[in-house]
Protein backbone atom coordinates (compact mmCIF):
# COMPACT_ATOMS: atom_id res chain seq x y z
CA UNK A 1 82.62 152.31 144.46
CA UNK A 2 79.27 150.56 144.52
CA UNK A 3 78.42 147.15 143.12
CA UNK A 4 75.07 146.43 141.48
CA UNK A 5 73.50 143.36 139.91
CA UNK A 6 71.39 144.37 136.91
CA UNK A 7 69.13 142.14 134.82
CA UNK A 8 68.53 143.14 131.19
CA UNK A 9 66.40 140.88 128.95
CA UNK A 10 67.04 137.96 131.27
CA UNK A 11 70.84 138.45 131.31
CA UNK A 12 72.40 139.24 134.69
CA UNK A 13 75.29 141.73 134.84
CA UNK A 14 77.47 142.68 137.80
CA UNK A 15 78.30 146.39 137.52
CA UNK A 16 80.73 148.48 139.56
CA UNK A 17 80.08 152.24 139.58
CA UNK A 18 82.27 155.03 140.98
CA UNK A 19 80.44 157.55 143.09
CA UNK A 20 80.57 161.04 141.59
CA UNK A 21 78.37 162.76 144.14
CA UNK A 22 75.08 162.42 145.96
CA UNK A 23 73.03 163.29 142.83
CA UNK A 24 74.79 160.71 140.64
CA UNK A 25 74.45 157.82 143.10
CA UNK A 26 70.70 158.14 143.69
CA UNK A 27 69.48 157.44 140.10
CA UNK A 28 71.89 154.53 139.74
CA UNK A 29 70.69 152.99 143.00
CA UNK A 30 67.05 153.17 141.88
CA UNK A 31 67.56 151.27 138.60
CA UNK A 32 68.87 147.98 140.07
CA UNK A 33 66.00 147.84 142.56
CA UNK A 34 63.44 148.03 139.74
CA UNK A 35 65.24 145.54 137.45
CA UNK A 36 64.92 142.40 139.64
CA UNK A 37 61.21 143.13 140.24
CA UNK A 38 60.62 143.37 136.49
CA UNK A 39 62.72 140.27 135.75
CA UNK A 40 60.99 138.01 138.27
CA UNK A 41 57.52 138.07 136.62
CA UNK A 42 59.05 137.45 133.18
CA UNK A 43 60.94 134.39 134.41
CA UNK A 44 57.91 132.81 136.10
CA UNK A 45 55.68 132.54 132.96
CA UNK A 46 58.55 131.16 130.84
CA UNK A 47 58.97 128.03 132.97
CA UNK A 48 55.37 126.78 132.65
CA UNK A 49 55.43 127.30 128.87
CA UNK A 50 58.46 125.06 128.51
CA UNK A 51 57.30 122.45 131.03
CA UNK A 52 53.63 122.07 130.10
CA UNK A 53 53.86 121.22 126.37
CA UNK A 54 56.87 118.92 126.72
CA UNK A 55 55.23 116.78 129.41
CA UNK A 56 52.83 114.91 127.13
CA UNK A 57 54.48 114.63 123.75
CA UNK A 58 57.48 112.85 122.25
CA UNK A 59 60.55 111.31 123.81
CA UNK A 60 63.11 113.45 121.93
CA UNK A 61 63.17 117.13 122.86
CA UNK A 62 64.26 119.66 120.26
CA UNK A 63 65.63 122.74 122.07
CA UNK A 64 66.75 126.25 121.16
CA UNK A 65 70.50 126.64 120.81
CA UNK A 66 70.33 130.43 121.21
CA UNK A 67 67.93 132.94 122.73
CA UNK A 68 65.88 134.72 120.10
CA UNK A 69 62.52 134.90 118.38
CA UNK A 70 60.72 132.18 116.41
CA UNK A 71 60.92 133.39 112.81
CA UNK A 72 59.19 130.45 111.11
CA UNK A 73 57.76 127.05 112.00
CA UNK A 74 58.90 124.70 109.21
CA UNK A 75 57.26 121.44 110.37
CA UNK A 76 53.89 120.36 111.73
CA UNK A 77 52.84 117.79 114.31
CA UNK A 78 52.62 114.35 112.73
CA UNK A 79 55.11 115.17 109.97
CA UNK A 80 57.92 112.66 109.30
CA UNK A 81 61.38 114.25 109.29
CA UNK A 82 64.90 113.03 108.65
CA UNK A 83 67.97 113.96 110.64
CA UNK A 84 69.04 117.49 109.69
CA UNK A 85 65.63 118.61 108.35
CA UNK A 86 64.69 122.11 109.59
CA UNK A 87 61.88 122.10 112.16
CA UNK A 88 61.92 125.73 113.32
CA UNK A 89 63.84 128.82 112.22
CA UNK A 90 64.96 131.22 114.96
CA UNK A 91 65.97 134.84 114.49
CA UNK A 92 68.83 136.01 116.68
CA UNK A 93 71.14 138.98 116.14
CA UNK A 94 69.58 139.61 112.70
CA UNK A 95 70.45 136.08 111.56
CA UNK A 96 68.12 133.21 110.73
CA UNK A 97 69.22 130.06 112.57
CA UNK A 98 67.61 126.73 111.61
CA UNK A 99 66.78 124.30 114.40
CA UNK A 100 67.08 120.85 112.81
CA UNK A 101 65.84 117.37 113.67
CA UNK A 102 68.50 115.54 115.71
CA UNK A 103 67.40 112.16 114.27
CA UNK A 104 64.89 110.55 111.94
CA UNK A 105 61.37 110.44 113.37
CA UNK A 106 57.94 112.02 113.55
CA UNK A 107 57.13 115.42 115.03
CA UNK A 108 55.01 114.79 118.14
CA UNK A 109 54.40 118.43 119.06
CA UNK A 110 55.39 121.96 118.14
CA UNK A 111 55.52 123.94 121.39
CA UNK A 112 56.06 127.46 119.99
CA UNK A 113 54.54 129.73 117.35
CA UNK A 114 56.01 132.30 114.97
CA UNK A 115 56.82 135.49 116.89
CA UNK A 116 57.39 133.79 120.27
CA UNK A 117 60.47 134.80 122.25
CA UNK A 118 62.55 131.79 123.31
CA UNK A 119 65.42 131.25 125.71
CA UNK A 120 68.51 129.13 125.23
CA UNK A 121 67.66 125.50 126.01
CA UNK A 122 63.87 125.98 125.82
CA UNK A 123 61.96 123.05 124.32
CA UNK A 124 60.64 124.07 120.90
CA UNK A 125 59.28 120.73 119.70
CA UNK A 126 59.26 117.04 120.55
CA UNK A 127 59.75 113.99 118.35
CA UNK A 128 59.14 110.26 118.49
């Protein structure tokens, strides 16, 4: 039995594989070595995107509740919104998920665009 840690689309999986022979173990061993190298560059650019826009804008951060793709941006910077108004619509698992204003206020910044991939907890917009 061999244990591997594999990263797929940013999700980390611990996998245990039975050895069937020398030919079966070699391809399996090569895949986990390549996965962390590919995952590291993807993780590095995501952090500056989330940190840079949120540094200068509003006091209230509006974050993604699920990982997915930005389907639609419903609000613009400077727009007044009420609690529960949709700001951004995310697409995850073939569903459209609205990200709503947590309180009444004004949109200070929109930090994503339609088509952007987002992670759970990433700042999408800020409000005052």
